Amino acid sequence: MSPPLPGPLAHLAPLLDHYGYLAVGVLVFLDNCVVPVPGQTILVLAAVYAGAGQLSLPVLLLVAVLAAVAGDTLAYVLGRTGGLAVVHRWGRYVRLTPERMERAESFFRRRGALVVTGARFVDGLRQTNGLIAGTTEMPWRRFMPANVLGAALWAGVWTAVGYFAGSNIDTLYRQAVRYQVLLFAVLAALALLLLVRTWLRRRHRPPRDAAAGRIPHQNGGGAPADNDSDSDSDSDSDSDNNGNDQGRGRP
């Protein structure tokens, strides 16, 4: 018999009672593939059931990890095959310029594995990290290990929370969600600081010369010198002609 459940968990209890592991697999898969469904919540609920002896903990962990990896992988494939086309076609309407996309790609080249590994612990990133990684063309050989590691950590942590909480699941779950919100706020603040820092750097950066590397007088100053040379040549020619005419006029 499972312990009394808090509101979000209680609402999913009939679904888990009827479909068991299938409900966990489907919701976790969708939750890791762009669709915002309560995959994390049903994972915690299933862990509570496992703690009460109604589900097998090893099977639950295996289902959750496989579903999370599969969902994130599908999101990555969607981003890799169609994400760039969408960005190029519609990105300008949301101020996602090619320059910003290039910076995002550079960031994922340097920090993408870390983002994918920890993204599942933050709502919003859990649903979209695979899509972003694919759109920014993060290499497959770097994405998959981070995807598998992140899925194992995420499933392991939340399964442990539900399994060991027992009758304290209500208080523990609320505290865990509160800390998750705080983590999201901290990450949002860090992202804002990075944006402000980048903006300040660009604002104080000296303007780049379109003709960088050229000596100013090479182009603009060369033309007048040629004109002066032509004028001198013309003057010499006129002088020679006048001299010849005067010579012919003498007796």
C-alpha atoms as a PDB file:
ATOM      1  CA  MET A   1       0.000   0.000   0.000  1.00  0.00           C
ATOM      2  CA  SER A   2       1.488   3.332  -1.059  1.00  0.00           C
ATOM      3  CA  PRO A   3       1.620   6.215   1.463  1.00  0.00           C
ATOM      4  CA  PRO A   4      -0.624   9.301   1.188  1.00  0.00           C
ATOM      5  CA  LEU A   5       0.394  11.334  -1.856  1.00  0.00           C
ATOM      6  CA  PRO A   6       0.587  15.107  -2.414  1.00  0.00           C
ATOM      7  CA  GLY A   7      -1.619  16.719  -5.050  1.00  0.00           C
ATOM      8  CA  PRO A   8       0.534  16.396  -8.209  1.00  0.00           C
ATOM      9  CA  LEU A   9       1.401  12.790  -7.429  1.00  0.00           C
ATOM     10  CA  ALA A  10      -2.136  11.824  -6.447  1.00  0.00           C
ATOM     11  CA  HIS A  11      -3.500  13.044  -9.785  1.00  0.00           C
ATOM     12  CA  LEU A  12      -1.194  10.675 -11.664  1.00  0.00           C
ATOM     13  CA  ALA A  13      -1.843   7.672  -9.428  1.00  0.00           C
ATOM     14  CA  PRO A  14      -4.764   6.262 -11.531  1.00  0.00           C
ATOM     15  CA  LEU A  15      -2.609   6.444 -14.670  1.00  0.00           C
ATOM     16  CA  LEU A  16       0.205   4.553 -12.976  1.00  0.00           C
ATOM     17  CA  ASP A  17      -2.241   2.038 -11.461  1.00  0.00           C
ATOM     18  CA  HIS A  18      -3.614   1.179 -14.904  1.00  0.00           C
ATOM     19  CA  TYR A  19      -0.492   1.270 -17.111  1.00  0.00           C
ATOM     20  CA  GLY A  20       2.460   0.847 -14.756  1.00  0.00           C
ATOM     21  CA  TYR A  21       5.853   0.957 -16.465  1.00  0.00           C
ATOM     22  CA  LEU A  22       4.298   1.924 -19.800  1.00  0.00           C
ATOM     23  CA  ALA A  23       2.962   5.160 -18.293  1.00  0.00           C
ATOM     24  CA  VAL A  24       6.407   5.945 -16.881  1.00  0.00           C
ATOM     25  CA  GLY A  25       8.142   5.209 -20.178  1.00  0.00           C
ATOM     26  CA  VAL A  26       5.781   7.275 -22.338  1.00  0.00           C
ATOM     27  CA  LEU A  27       5.680  10.342 -20.096  1.00  0.00           C
ATOM     28  CA  VAL A  28       9.436  10.325 -19.444  1.00  0.00           C
ATOM     29  CA  PHE A  29      10.085   9.948 -23.174  1.00  0.00           C
ATOM     30  CA  LEU A  30       7.842  12.901 -24.075  1.00  0.00           C
ATOM     31  CA  ASP A  31       9.174  15.009 -21.189  1.00  0.00           C
ATOM     32  CA  ASN A  32      12.678  14.631 -22.621  1.00  0.00           C
ATOM     33  CA  CYS A  33      11.555  15.351 -26.179  1.00  0.00           C
ATOM     34  CA  VAL A  34      10.235  18.926 -26.248  1.00  0.00           C
ATOM     35  CA  VAL A  35       6.728  18.031 -24.937  1.00  0.00           C
ATOM     36  CA  PRO A  36       6.081  19.491 -21.432  1.00  0.00           C
ATOM     37  CA  VAL A  37       4.369  16.579 -19.674  1.00  0.00           C
ATOM     38  CA  PRO A  38       4.797  15.449 -16.020  1.00  0.00           C
ATOM     39  CA  GLY A  39       7.486  12.858 -16.734  1.00  0.00           C
ATOM     40  CA  GLN A  40       9.527  13.752 -13.664  1.00  0.00           C
ATOM     41  CA  THR A  41       6.458  13.684 -11.439  1.00  0.00           C
ATOM     42  CA  ILE A  42       5.349  10.226 -12.528  1.00  0.00           C
ATOM     43  CA  LEU A  43       8.928   8.982 -12.057  1.00  0.00           C
ATOM     44  CA  VAL A  44       8.844  10.096  -8.415  1.00  0.00           C
ATOM     45  CA  LEU A  45       5.409   8.531  -7.981  1.00  0.00           C
ATOM     46  CA  ALA A  46       6.584   5.243  -9.484  1.00  0.00           C
ATOM     47  CA  ALA A  47       9.540   5.274  -7.094  1.00  0.00           C
ATOM     48  CA  VAL A  48       7.128   5.663  -4.179  1.00  0.00           C
ATOM     49  CA  TYR A  49       5.267   2.624  -5.496  1.00  0.00           C
ATOM     50  CA  ALA A  50       8.583   0.747  -5.720  1.00  0.00           C
ATOM     51  CA  GLY A  51       9.328   1.650  -2.108  1.00  0.00           C
ATOM     52  CA  ALA A  52       5.960   0.206  -1.145  1.00  0.00           C
ATOM     53  CA  GLY A  53       6.707  -3.007  -3.055  1.00  0.00           C
ATOM     54  CA  GLN A  54       4.244  -2.384  -5.892  1.00  0.00           C
ATOM     55  CA  LEU A  55       6.883  -1.936  -8.619  1.00  0.00           C
ATOM     56  CA  SER A  56      10.395  -3.242  -9.147  1.00  0.00           C
ATOM     57  CA  LEU A  57      13.072  -0.594  -8.537  1.00  0.00           C
ATOM     58  CA  PRO A  58      15.640  -2.003 -11.053  1.00  0.00           C
ATOM     59  CA  VAL A  59      13.009  -2.270 -13.802  1.00  0.00           C
ATOM     60  CA  LEU A  60      11.771   1.248 -13.051  1.00  0.00           C
ATOM     61  CA  LEU A  61      15.296   2.656 -13.288  1.00  0.00           C
ATOM     62  CA  LEU A  62      15.936   0.840 -16.570  1.00  0.00           C
ATOM     63  CA  VAL A  63      12.671   2.074 -18.107  1.00  0.00           C
ATOM     64  CA  ALA A  64      13.275   5.663 -16.989  1.00  0.00           C
ATOM     65  CA  VAL A  65      16.868   5.807 -18.260  1.00  0.00           C
ATOM     66  CA  LEU A  66      16.041   4.250 -21.630  1.00  0.00           C
ATOM     67  CA  ALA A  67      13.015   6.488 -22.136  1.00  0.00           C
ATOM     68  CA  ALA A  68      14.969   9.620 -21.184  1.00  0.00           C
ATOM     69  CA  VAL A  69      17.855   8.744 -23.519  1.00  0.00           C
ATOM     70  CA  ALA A  70      15.476   7.942 -26.384  1.00  0.00           C
ATOM     71  CA  GLY A  71      13.488  11.153 -25.938  1.00  0.00           C
ATOM     72  CA  ASP A  72      16.559  13.375 -25.836  1.00  0.00           C
ATOM     73  CA  THR A  73      18.032  11.561 -28.830  1.00  0.00           C
ATOM     74  CA  LEU A  74      14.897  12.140 -30.900  1.00  0.00           C
ATOM     75  CA  ALA A  75      14.954  15.827 -29.952  1.00  0.00           C
ATOM     76  CA  TYR A  76      18.593  15.992 -31.048  1.00  0.00           C
ATOM     77  CA  VAL A  77      17.782  14.392 -34.405  1.00  0.00           C
ATOM     78  CA  LEU A  78      14.900  16.836 -34.941  1.00  0.00           C
ATOM     79  CA  GLY A  79      17.180  19.763 -34.191  1.00  0.00           C
ATOM     80  CA  ARG A  80      19.998  18.411 -36.373  1.00  0.00           C
ATOM     81  CA  THR A  81      17.785  17.731 -39.396  1.00  0.00           C
ATOM     82  CA  GLY A  82      15.363  20.654 -39.311  1.00  0.00           C
ATOM     83  CA  GLY A  83      16.385  23.059 -36.579  1.00  0.00           C
ATOM     84  CA  LEU A  84      18.826  25.155 -38.610  1.00  0.00           C
ATOM     85  CA  ALA A  85      16.338  25.577 -41.439  1.00  0.00           C
ATOM     86  CA  VAL A  86      13.739  26.858 -38.973  1.00  0.00           C
ATOM     87  CA  VAL A  87      16.263  29.255 -37.406  1.00  0.00           C
ATOM     88  CA  HIS A  88      17.346  30.617 -40.774  1.00  0.00           C
ATOM     89  CA  ARG A  89      13.746  31.015 -41.926  1.00  0.00           C
ATOM     90  CA  TRP A  90      12.111  32.399 -38.797  1.00  0.00           C
ATOM     91  CA  GLY A  91      14.924  33.284 -36.405  1.00  0.00           C
ATOM     92  CA  ARG A  92      15.033  36.951 -37.367  1.00  0.00           C
ATOM     93  CA  TYR A  93      11.492  37.418 -36.078  1.00  0.00           C
ATOM     94  CA  VAL A  94      12.634  36.517 -32.542  1.00  0.00           C
ATOM     95  CA  ARG A  95      15.979  38.316 -32.877  1.00  0.00           C
ATOM     96  CA  LEU A  96      17.866  35.047 -33.348  1.00  0.00           C
ATOM     97  CA  THR A  97      20.384  36.415 -35.829  1.00  0.00           C
ATOM     98  CA  PRO A  98      23.116  34.368 -37.558  1.00  0.00           C
ATOM     99  CA  GLU A  99      25.658  36.046 -35.255  1.00  0.00           C
ATOM    100  CA  ARG A 100      23.789  34.902 -32.137  1.00  0.00           C
ATOM    101  CA  MET A 101      23.382  31.428 -33.584  1.00  0.00           C
ATOM    102  CA  GLU A 102      27.123  31.330 -34.205  1.00  0.00           C
ATOM    103  CA  ARG A 103      27.779  32.273 -30.574  1.00  0.00           C
ATOM    104  CA  ALA A 104      25.371  29.547 -29.419  1.00  0.00           C
ATOM    105  CA  GLU A 105      27.209  27.010 -31.543  1.00  0.00           C
ATOM    106  CA  SER A 106      30.521  28.171 -30.094  1.00  0.00           C
ATOM    107  CA  PHE A 107      29.140  27.845 -26.555  1.00  0.00           C
ATOM    108  CA  PHE A 108      27.883  24.308 -27.184  1.00  0.00           C
ATOM    109  CA  ARG A 109      31.236  23.346 -28.672  1.00  0.00           C
ATOM    110  CA  ARG A 110      32.881  24.403 -25.407  1.00  0.00           C
ATOM    111  CA  ARG A 111      30.221  23.644 -22.769  1.00  0.00           C
ATOM    112  CA  GLY A 112      27.586  21.545 -24.530  1.00  0.00           C
ATOM    113  CA  ALA A 113      28.378  18.272 -22.762  1.00  0.00           C
ATOM    114  CA  LEU A 114      28.014  19.925 -19.354  1.00  0.00           C
ATOM    115  CA  VAL A 115      24.716  21.540 -20.344  1.00  0.00           C
ATOM    116  CA  VAL A 116      23.230  18.297 -21.669  1.00  0.00           C
ATOM    117  CA  THR A 117      24.343  16.381 -18.577  1.00  0.00           C
ATOM    118  CA  GLY A 118      22.740  18.762 -16.090  1.00  0.00           C
ATOM    119  CA  ALA A 119      19.832  20.065 -18.163  1.00  0.00           C
ATOM    120  CA  ARG A 120      17.328  17.444 -16.984  1.00  0.00           C
ATOM    121  CA  PHE A 121      17.309  18.900 -13.486  1.00  0.00           C
ATOM    122  CA  VAL A 122      15.884  22.193 -14.807  1.00  0.00           C
ATOM    123  CA  ASP A 123      12.363  22.406 -16.201  1.00  0.00           C
ATOM    124  CA  GLY A 124      12.445  23.863 -19.681  1.00  0.00           C
ATOM    125  CA  LEU A 125      15.985  22.725 -20.348  1.00  0.00           C
ATOM    126  CA  ARG A 126      14.956  19.122 -19.751  1.00  0.00           C
ATOM    127  CA  GLN A 127      12.530  19.349 -22.661  1.00  0.00           C
ATOM    128  CA  THR A 128      14.720  21.384 -25.032  1.00  0.00           C
ATOM    129  CA  ASN A 129      18.410  20.583 -24.443  1.00  0.00           C
ATOM    130  CA  GLY A 130      18.483  17.862 -27.090  1.00  0.00           C
ATOM    131  CA  LEU A 131      16.778  20.111 -29.626  1.00  0.00           C
ATOM    132  CA  ILE A 132      19.241  22.932 -28.944  1.00  0.00           C
ATOM    133  CA  ALA A 133      22.213  20.573 -29.117  1.00  0.00           C
ATOM    134  CA  GLY A 134      21.052  19.295 -32.497  1.00  0.00           C
ATOM    135  CA  THR A 135      20.288  22.745 -33.870  1.00  0.00           C
ATOM    136  CA  THR A 136      23.730  24.017 -32.880  1.00  0.00           C
ATOM    137  CA  GLU A 137      25.245  20.888 -34.492  1.00  0.00           C
ATOM    138  CA  MET A 138      26.864  19.567 -31.350  1.00  0.00           C
ATOM    139  CA  PRO A 139      28.893  16.483 -32.418  1.00  0.00           C
ATOM    140  CA  TRP A 140      27.071  13.182 -31.938  1.00  0.00           C
ATOM    141  CA  ARG A 141      30.057  11.565 -30.215  1.00  0.00           C
ATOM    142  CA  ARG A 142      29.931  14.268 -27.522  1.00  0.00           C
ATOM    143  CA  PHE A 143      26.161  14.444 -27.226  1.00  0.00           C
ATOM    144  CA  MET A 144      25.418  10.769 -26.614  1.00  0.00           C
ATOM    145  CA  PRO A 145      27.735  10.179 -23.604  1.00  0.00           C
ATOM    146  CA  ALA A 146      26.395  13.362 -21.977  1.00  0.00           C
ATOM    147  CA  ASN A 147      22.838  12.282 -22.813  1.00  0.00           C
ATOM    148  CA  VAL A 148      23.269   8.833 -21.222  1.00  0.00           C
ATOM    149  CA  LEU A 149      25.075  10.207 -18.159  1.00  0.00           C
ATOM    150  CA  GLY A 150      22.473  12.930 -17.645  1.00  0.00           C
ATOM    151  CA  ALA A 151      19.606  10.446 -17.959  1.00  0.00           C
ATOM    152  CA  ALA A 152      21.194   8.074 -15.436  1.00  0.00           C
ATOM    153  CA  LEU A 153      21.857  10.860 -12.916  1.00  0.00           C
ATOM    154  CA  TRP A 154      18.397  12.378 -13.282  1.00  0.00           C
ATOM    155  CA  ALA A 155      16.542   9.057 -13.068  1.00  0.00           C
ATOM    156  CA  GLY A 156      18.728   7.900 -10.187  1.00  0.00           C
ATOM    157  CA  VAL A 157      18.241  11.043  -8.084  1.00  0.00           C
ATOM    158  CA  TRP A 158      14.466  11.271  -8.458  1.00  0.00           C
ATOM    159  CA  THR A 159      13.970   7.547  -8.061  1.00  0.00           C
ATOM    160  CA  ALA A 160      15.954   7.671  -4.814  1.00  0.00           C
ATOM    161  CA  VAL A 161      13.860  10.628  -3.634  1.00  0.00           C
ATOM    162  CA  GLY A 162      10.615   8.722  -4.130  1.00  0.00           C
ATOM    163  CA  TYR A 163      11.920   5.337  -2.977  1.00  0.00           C
ATOM    164  CA  PHE A 164      13.397   6.444   0.348  1.00  0.00           C
ATOM    165  CA  ALA A 165      10.877   9.162   1.171  1.00  0.00           C
ATOM    166  CA  GLY A 166       8.094   6.789   2.150  1.00  0.00           C
ATOM    167  CA  SER A 167       5.493   8.550   4.263  1.00  0.00           C
ATOM    168  CA  ASN A 168       7.507  11.794   4.086  1.00  0.00           C
ATOM    169  CA  ILE A 169       7.080  12.077   0.318  1.00  0.00           C
ATOM    170  CA  ASP A 170       4.732  15.075   0.583  1.00  0.00           C
ATOM    171  CA  THR A 171       7.220  17.271   2.494  1.00  0.00           C
ATOM    172  CA  LEU A 172      10.262  15.984   0.650  1.00  0.00           C
ATOM    173  CA  TYR A 173       8.730  16.432  -2.788  1.00  0.00           C
ATOM    174  CA  ARG A 174       7.687  20.000  -2.048  1.00  0.00           C
ATOM    175  CA  GLN A 175      11.175  20.833  -0.803  1.00  0.00           C
ATOM    176  CA  ALA A 176      12.772  19.216  -3.853  1.00  0.00           C
ATOM    177  CA  VAL A 177      10.566  21.206  -6.233  1.00  0.00           C
ATOM    178  CA  ARG A 178      11.368  24.397  -4.304  1.00  0.00           C
ATOM    179  CA  TYR A 179      15.093  23.816  -4.694  1.00  0.00           C
ATOM    180  CA  GLN A 180      14.574  23.089  -8.362  1.00  0.00           C
ATOM    181  CA  VAL A 181      12.888  26.468  -8.772  1.00  0.00           C
ATOM    182  CA  LEU A 182      15.799  28.117  -6.950  1.00  0.00           C
ATOM    183  CA  LEU A 183      18.240  26.334  -9.266  1.00  0.00           C
ATOM    184  CA  PHE A 184      16.338  27.634 -12.264  1.00  0.00           C
ATOM    185  CA  ALA A 185      16.442  31.165 -10.838  1.00  0.00           C
ATOM    186  CA  VAL A 186      20.202  30.922 -10.277  1.00  0.00           C
ATOM    187  CA  LEU A 187      20.783  29.685 -13.823  1.00  0.00           C
ATOM    188  CA  ALA A 188      18.581  32.446 -15.229  1.00  0.00           C
ATOM    189  CA  ALA A 189      20.542  35.041 -13.231  1.00  0.00           C
ATOM    190  CA  LEU A 190      23.843  33.662 -14.525  1.00  0.00           C
ATOM    191  CA  ALA A 191      22.556  33.751 -18.080  1.00  0.00           C
ATOM    192  CA  LEU A 192      21.461  37.370 -17.599  1.00  0.00           C
ATOM    193  CA  LEU A 193      24.888  38.299 -16.235  1.00  0.00           C
ATOM    194  CA  LEU A 194      26.569  36.701 -19.229  1.00  0.00           C
ATOM    195  CA  LEU A 195      24.313  38.621 -21.593  1.00  0.00           C
ATOM    196  CA  VAL A 196      25.031  41.920 -19.836  1.00  0.00           C
ATOM    197  CA  ARG A 197      28.753  41.192 -19.861  1.00  0.00           C
ATOM    198  CA  THR A 198      28.689  40.447 -23.584  1.00  0.00           C
ATOM    199  CA  TRP A 199      26.691  43.612 -24.279  1.00  0.00           C
ATOM    200  CA  LEU A 200      29.117  45.772 -22.284  1.00  0.00           C
ATOM    201  CA  ARG A 201      32.093  44.259 -24.087  1.00  0.00           C
ATOM    202  CA  ARG A 202      30.560  44.956 -27.477  1.00  0.00           C
ATOM    203  CA  ARG A 203      29.621  48.476 -26.450  1.00  0.00           C
ATOM    204  CA  HIS A 204      33.169  49.374 -25.380  1.00  0.00           C
ATOM    205  CA  ARG A 205      34.882  47.559 -28.242  1.00  0.00           C
ATOM    206  CA  PRO A 206      36.522  50.001 -30.715  1.00  0.00           C
ATOM    207  CA  PRO A 207      34.841  50.038 -34.145  1.00  0.00           C
ATOM    208  CA  ARG A 208      36.442  47.784 -36.679  1.00  0.00           C
ATOM    209  CA  ASP A 209      37.832  49.485 -39.810  1.00  0.00           C
ATOM    210  CA  ALA A 210      36.439  48.008 -42.974  1.00  0.00           C
ATOM    211  CA  ALA A 211      39.851  48.409 -44.560  1.00  0.00           C
ATOM    212  CA  ALA A 212      41.736  46.968 -41.590  1.00  0.00           C
ATOM    213  CA  GLY A 213      45.376  46.352 -42.247  1.00  0.00           C
ATOM    214  CA  ARG A 214      45.663  48.947 -45.019  1.00  0.00           C
ATOM    215  CA  ILE A 215      47.828  52.048 -44.760  1.00  0.00           C
ATOM    216  CA  PRO A 216      45.523  55.085 -45.189  1.00  0.00           C
ATOM    217  CA  HIS A 217      47.638  56.870 -47.779  1.00  0.00           C
ATOM    218  CA  GLN A 218      48.019  53.827 -49.980  1.00  0.00           C
ATOM    219  CA  ASN A 219      44.677  54.291 -51.689  1.00  0.00           C
ATOM    220  CA  GLY A 220      43.439  57.808 -51.070  1.00  0.00           C
ATOM    221  CA  GLY A 221      46.854  59.470 -51.108  1.00  0.00           C
ATOM    222  CA  GLY A 222      48.123  57.744 -54.214  1.00  0.00           C
ATOM    223  CA  ALA A 223      45.688  59.318 -56.654  1.00  0.00           C
ATOM    224  CA  PRO A 224      46.709  62.959 -56.108  1.00  0.00           C
ATOM    225  CA  ALA A 225      50.358  62.030 -56.635  1.00  0.00           C
ATOM    226  CA  ASP A 226      49.506  60.591 -60.032  1.00  0.00           C
ATOM    227  CA  ASN A 227      47.568  63.719 -60.926  1.00  0.00           C
ATOM    228  CA  ASP A 228      50.521  65.896 -59.957  1.00  0.00           C
ATOM    229  CA  SER A 229      52.807  63.799 -62.108  1.00  0.00           C
ATOM    230  CA  ASP A 230      50.434  64.147 -65.034  1.00  0.00           C
ATOM    231  CA  SER A 231      50.278  67.896 -64.523  1.00  0.00           C
ATOM    232  CA  ASP A 232      54.051  68.151 -64.454  1.00  0.00           C
ATOM    233  CA  SER A 233      54.286  66.124 -67.656  1.00  0.00           C
ATOM    234  CA  ASP A 234      51.724  68.344 -69.361  1.00  0.00           C
ATOM    235  CA  SER A 235      53.615  71.466 -68.284  1.00  0.00           C
ATOM    236  CA  ASP A 236      56.867  70.087 -69.650  1.00  0.00           C
ATOM    237  CA  SER A 237      55.192  69.251 -72.969  1.00  0.00           C
ATOM    238  CA  ASP A 238      53.726  72.773 -73.255  1.00  0.00           C
ATOM    239  CA  SER A 239      57.113  74.301 -72.557  1.00  0.00           C
ATOM    240  CA  ASP A 240      58.757  72.180 -75.227  1.00  0.00           C
ATOM    241  CA  ASN A 241      56.088  73.098 -77.756  1.00  0.00           C
ATOM    242  CA  ASN A 242      56.429  76.832 -77.019  1.00  0.00           C
ATOM    243  CA  GLY A 243      60.184  76.571 -77.407  1.00  0.00           C
ATOM    244  CA  ASN A 244      59.864  74.883 -80.765  1.00  0.00           C
ATOM    245  CA  ASP A 245      57.395  77.524 -82.018  1.00  0.00           C
ATOM    246  CA  GLN A 246      59.698  80.351 -81.019  1.00  0.00           C
ATOM    247  CA  GLY A 247      62.574  78.613 -82.754  1.00  0.00           C
ATOM    248  CA  ARG A 248      60.670  78.411 -85.998  1.00  0.00           C
ATOM    249  CA  GLY A 249      59.734  82.101 -85.854  1.00  0.00           C
ATOM    250  CA  ARG A 250      63.385  83.361 -85.887  1.00  0.00           C
ATOM    251  CA  PRO A 251      64.898  84.476 -89.273  1.00  0.00           C
END
